[in-house]
C-alpha cells in the first residue's frame, strides 16, 4: 500500500468504473474474516505478486474437464466444484 503496509488475502471482486478514482478491489484479508474495500488510489503495487489460486477455475474450464472425464468413461464424476487451494 502507499502507506507502507502490506495486505495479503483473497481478492474476490474488482470494481472498475469509468474513472480510476472510483476503482477498487474487495479483499478478505488472510488473517481476518471481514471484507475490506481498497481503492486503487491507495495501492502501490497492482497486480498482486504470486499465484492466483482461482486462475483457470472458470466454469468453462470446469466443464471442459468434466466432458473429458465423461468421454474417457470415468465413473463417479459429479458436479461438485474443486477446492480453490
N, C-alpha and C. Protein backbone atom coordinates (compact mmCIF):
# COMPACT_ATOMS: atom_id res chain seq x y z
N UNK A 1 0.84 -1.17 0.00
CA UNK A 1 0.00 0.00 0.00
C UNK A 1 0.89 1.24 0.00
N UNK A 2 0.33 2.37 -0.39
CA UNK A 2 1.12 3.61 -0.41
C UNK A 2 1.58 4.03 0.98
N UNK A 3 0.87 3.59 2.02
CA UNK A 3 1.27 3.94 3.39
C UNK A 3 2.34 3.00 3.92
N UNK A 4 2.79 2.05 3.10
CA UNK A 4 3.84 1.11 3.51
C UNK A 4 3.34 -0.20 4.05
N UNK A 5 2.06 -0.31 4.32
CA UNK A 5 1.50 -1.56 4.84
C UNK A 5 1.34 -2.58 3.70
N UNK A 6 1.22 -3.82 4.08
CA UNK A 6 1.03 -4.91 3.12
C UNK A 6 -0.28 -5.60 3.44
N UNK A 7 -1.09 -5.82 2.43
CA UNK A 7 -2.36 -6.52 2.60
C UNK A 7 -2.26 -7.83 1.83
N UNK A 8 -2.39 -8.95 2.54
CA UNK A 8 -2.41 -10.26 1.90
C UNK A 8 -3.80 -10.84 2.11
N UNK A 9 -4.34 -11.42 1.05
CA UNK A 9 -5.65 -12.01 1.18
C UNK A 9 -6.21 -12.42 -0.16
N UNK A 10 -7.49 -12.71 -0.15
CA UNK A 10 -8.20 -13.18 -1.33
C UNK A 10 -8.99 -12.03 -1.95
N UNK A 11 -8.65 -11.68 -3.19
CA UNK A 11 -9.39 -10.66 -3.92
C UNK A 11 -10.60 -11.35 -4.53
N UNK A 12 -11.79 -10.95 -4.11
CA UNK A 12 -12.99 -11.61 -4.61
C UNK A 12 -13.83 -10.72 -5.52
N UNK A 13 -13.45 -9.47 -5.68
CA UNK A 13 -14.23 -8.60 -6.55
C UNK A 13 -13.37 -7.40 -6.94
N UNK A 14 -13.55 -6.95 -8.18
CA UNK A 14 -12.92 -5.71 -8.63
C UNK A 14 -14.00 -4.79 -9.15
N UNK A 15 -13.90 -3.54 -8.80
CA UNK A 15 -14.86 -2.54 -9.28
C UNK A 15 -14.11 -1.60 -10.20
N UNK A 16 -14.52 -1.58 -11.47
CA UNK A 16 -13.83 -0.81 -12.47
C UNK A 16 -14.77 0.16 -13.18
N UNK A 17 -15.15 1.24 -12.51
CA UNK A 17 -15.99 2.22 -13.17
C UNK A 17 -15.18 2.98 -14.23
N UNK A 18 -15.77 3.97 -14.84
CA UNK A 18 -15.13 4.71 -15.93
C UNK A 18 -13.87 5.46 -15.50
N UNK A 19 -13.75 5.80 -14.23
CA UNK A 19 -12.57 6.55 -13.78
C UNK A 19 -11.75 5.75 -12.79
N UNK A 20 -10.46 6.02 -12.75
CA UNK A 20 -9.57 5.36 -11.81
C UNK A 20 -9.93 5.72 -10.37
N UNK A 21 -10.41 6.92 -10.17
CA UNK A 21 -10.75 7.38 -8.82
C UNK A 21 -11.77 6.48 -8.14
N UNK A 22 -12.67 5.89 -8.89
CA UNK A 22 -13.69 5.04 -8.30
C UNK A 22 -13.33 3.56 -8.30
N UNK A 23 -12.19 3.20 -8.89
CA UNK A 23 -11.79 1.80 -8.99
C UNK A 23 -11.29 1.27 -7.65
N UNK A 24 -11.66 0.02 -7.35
CA UNK A 24 -11.29 -0.59 -6.07
C UNK A 24 -11.33 -2.11 -6.18
N UNK A 25 -10.68 -2.75 -5.23
CA UNK A 25 -10.78 -4.21 -5.10
C UNK A 25 -11.42 -4.50 -3.75
N UNK A 26 -12.14 -5.61 -3.68
CA UNK A 26 -12.68 -6.07 -2.41
C UNK A 26 -11.89 -7.30 -2.01
N UNK A 27 -11.44 -7.31 -0.77
CA UNK A 27 -10.50 -8.31 -0.29
C UNK A 27 -10.98 -8.90 1.03
N UNK A 28 -10.71 -10.19 1.21
CA UNK A 28 -10.85 -10.80 2.53
C UNK A 28 -9.41 -11.02 2.99
N UNK A 29 -8.92 -10.21 3.91
CA UNK A 29 -7.53 -10.35 4.37
C UNK A 29 -7.26 -11.73 4.97
N UNK A 30 -6.04 -12.21 4.78
CA UNK A 30 -5.66 -13.56 5.19
C UNK A 30 -5.87 -13.81 6.69
N UNK A 31 -5.68 -12.81 7.51
CA UNK A 31 -5.76 -13.01 8.96
C UNK A 31 -7.03 -12.43 9.57
N UNK A 32 -8.02 -12.15 8.71
CA UNK A 32 -9.28 -11.59 9.19
C UNK A 32 -10.44 -12.32 8.52
N UNK A 33 -11.63 -12.11 9.02
CA UNK A 33 -12.84 -12.67 8.41
C UNK A 33 -13.69 -11.59 7.75
N UNK A 34 -13.36 -10.33 8.01
CA UNK A 34 -14.15 -9.24 7.47
C UNK A 34 -13.69 -8.90 6.05
N UNK A 35 -14.61 -8.34 5.27
CA UNK A 35 -14.30 -7.92 3.91
C UNK A 35 -13.81 -6.48 3.96
N UNK A 36 -12.91 -6.16 3.05
CA UNK A 36 -12.33 -4.83 3.04
C UNK A 36 -12.31 -4.30 1.61
N UNK A 37 -12.66 -3.04 1.41
CA UNK A 37 -12.59 -2.41 0.09
C UNK A 37 -11.36 -1.53 0.06
N UNK A 38 -10.53 -1.72 -0.97
CA UNK A 38 -9.30 -0.95 -1.10
C UNK A 38 -9.31 -0.22 -2.43
N UNK A 39 -9.19 1.09 -2.36
CA UNK A 39 -9.17 1.93 -3.56
C UNK A 39 -7.85 1.73 -4.31
N UNK A 40 -7.92 1.74 -5.64
CA UNK A 40 -6.70 1.66 -6.44
C UNK A 40 -5.76 2.82 -6.10
N UNK A 41 -6.32 3.96 -5.75
CA UNK A 41 -5.51 5.13 -5.41
C UNK A 41 -4.66 4.90 -4.18
N UNK A 42 -5.06 3.97 -3.30
CA UNK A 42 -4.30 3.67 -2.08
C UNK A 42 -3.26 2.58 -2.28
N UNK A 43 -3.26 1.96 -3.45
CA UNK A 43 -2.36 0.83 -3.71
C UNK A 43 -1.08 1.29 -4.38
N UNK A 44 0.03 0.69 -3.98
CA UNK A 44 1.30 0.99 -4.62
C UNK A 44 1.63 -0.06 -5.66
N UNK A 45 1.21 -1.29 -5.45
CA UNK A 45 1.55 -2.40 -6.34
C UNK A 45 0.29 -3.10 -6.79
N UNK A 46 0.10 -3.14 -8.08
CA UNK A 46 -1.01 -3.89 -8.68
C UNK A 46 -0.57 -4.28 -10.07
N UNK A 47 -0.67 -5.47 -10.54
CA UNK A 47 -1.35 -6.59 -9.89
C UNK A 47 -0.52 -7.19 -8.77
N UNK A 48 -1.17 -8.00 -8.00
CA UNK A 48 -0.52 -8.64 -6.86
C UNK A 48 0.49 -9.66 -7.33
N UNK A 49 1.60 -9.79 -6.63
CA UNK A 49 2.58 -10.82 -6.99
C UNK A 49 2.10 -12.20 -6.56
N UNK A 50 2.67 -13.23 -7.16
CA UNK A 50 2.36 -14.59 -6.76
C UNK A 50 1.22 -15.20 -7.54
N UNK A 51 0.92 -16.42 -7.21
CA UNK A 51 -0.12 -17.18 -7.91
C UNK A 51 -1.50 -16.74 -7.48
N UNK A 52 -2.42 -16.84 -8.38
CA UNK A 52 -3.82 -16.57 -8.08
C UNK A 52 -4.52 -17.92 -8.05
N UNK A 53 -4.93 -18.40 -6.86
CA UNK A 53 -5.49 -19.74 -6.75
C UNK A 53 -6.70 -20.01 -7.64
N UNK A 54 -7.48 -19.00 -7.94
CA UNK A 54 -8.68 -19.22 -8.75
C UNK A 54 -8.40 -19.18 -10.25
N UNK A 55 -7.16 -18.88 -10.63
CA UNK A 55 -6.84 -18.81 -12.06
C UNK A 55 -7.13 -20.16 -12.72
N UNK A 56 -7.80 -20.11 -13.84
CA UNK A 56 -8.14 -21.33 -14.57
C UNK A 56 -9.28 -22.11 -13.97
N UNK A 57 -9.96 -21.56 -12.98
CA UNK A 57 -11.04 -22.26 -12.30
C UNK A 57 -12.41 -21.77 -12.77
N UNK A 58 -12.47 -21.26 -13.99
CA UNK A 58 -13.73 -20.76 -14.51
C UNK A 58 -14.70 -21.91 -14.76
N UNK A 59 -15.96 -21.58 -14.92
CA UNK A 59 -16.96 -22.59 -15.22
C UNK A 59 -16.64 -23.29 -16.53
N UNK A 60 -16.17 -22.53 -17.51
CA UNK A 60 -15.82 -23.13 -18.80
C UNK A 60 -14.69 -24.15 -18.65
N UNK A 61 -13.68 -23.82 -17.86
CA UNK A 61 -12.57 -24.75 -17.63
C UNK A 61 -13.07 -26.01 -16.91
N UNK A 62 -13.97 -25.83 -15.93
CA UNK A 62 -14.52 -26.98 -15.21
C UNK A 62 -15.32 -27.87 -16.16
N UNK A 63 -16.15 -27.26 -17.02
CA UNK A 63 -16.95 -28.05 -17.97
C UNK A 63 -16.06 -28.83 -18.94
N UNK A 64 -14.97 -28.22 -19.37
CA UNK A 64 -14.05 -28.91 -20.28
C UNK A 64 -13.48 -30.16 -19.60
N UNK A 65 -13.04 -30.01 -18.35
CA UNK A 65 -12.51 -31.17 -17.61
C UNK A 65 -13.59 -32.23 -17.42
N UNK A 66 -14.80 -31.78 -17.08
CA UNK A 66 -15.90 -32.71 -16.87
C UNK A 66 -16.19 -33.51 -18.14
N UNK A 67 -16.28 -32.81 -19.28
CA UNK A 67 -16.55 -33.50 -20.55
C UNK A 67 -15.44 -34.48 -20.91
N UNK A 68 -14.18 -34.11 -20.65
CA UNK A 68 -13.05 -35.00 -20.93
C UNK A 68 -13.14 -36.27 -20.09
N UNK A 69 -13.45 -36.12 -18.80
CA UNK A 69 -13.57 -37.28 -17.92
C UNK A 69 -14.74 -38.17 -18.35
N UNK A 70 -15.85 -37.54 -18.71
CA UNK A 70 -17.03 -38.29 -19.13
C UNK A 70 -16.75 -39.05 -20.43
N UNK A 71 -16.09 -38.39 -21.38
CA UNK A 71 -15.76 -39.03 -22.66
C UNK A 71 -14.79 -40.19 -22.48
N UNK A 72 -13.94 -40.09 -21.47
CA UNK A 72 -12.98 -41.15 -21.20
C UNK A 72 -13.62 -42.31 -20.45
N UNK A 73 -14.91 -42.17 -20.10
CA UNK A 73 -15.62 -43.24 -19.41
C UNK A 73 -15.39 -43.28 -17.92
N UNK A 74 -14.84 -42.21 -17.37
CA UNK A 74 -14.58 -42.18 -15.94
C UNK A 74 -15.90 -42.23 -15.17
N UNK A 75 -15.93 -43.01 -14.12
CA UNK A 75 -17.14 -43.17 -13.31
C UNK A 75 -17.02 -42.34 -12.04
N UNK A 76 -18.15 -42.01 -11.47
CA UNK A 76 -18.17 -41.30 -10.20
C UNK A 76 -17.86 -39.81 -10.31
N UNK A 77 -17.88 -39.29 -11.53
CA UNK A 77 -17.66 -37.84 -11.64
C UNK A 77 -18.96 -37.13 -11.30
N UNK A 78 -18.86 -36.06 -10.56
CA UNK A 78 -20.06 -35.34 -10.14
C UNK A 78 -19.99 -33.90 -10.57
N UNK A 79 -20.93 -33.15 -10.09
CA UNK A 79 -20.98 -31.74 -10.45
C UNK A 79 -20.37 -30.85 -9.37
N UNK A 80 -19.74 -31.44 -8.37
CA UNK A 80 -19.14 -30.65 -7.30
C UNK A 80 -17.90 -29.94 -7.82
N UNK A 81 -17.73 -28.70 -7.40
CA UNK A 81 -16.55 -27.92 -7.81
C UNK A 81 -15.32 -28.35 -7.04
N UNK A 82 -14.16 -28.11 -7.64
CA UNK A 82 -12.89 -28.39 -6.96
C UNK A 82 -12.65 -27.32 -5.90
N UNK A 83 -11.82 -27.65 -4.91
CA UNK A 83 -11.43 -26.67 -3.91
C UNK A 83 -10.46 -25.69 -4.54
N UNK A 84 -10.48 -24.44 -4.07
CA UNK A 84 -9.58 -23.40 -4.56
C UNK A 84 -8.35 -23.33 -3.67
N UNK A 85 -7.53 -24.33 -3.62
CA UNK A 85 -6.30 -24.38 -2.83
C UNK A 85 -6.32 -23.50 -1.63
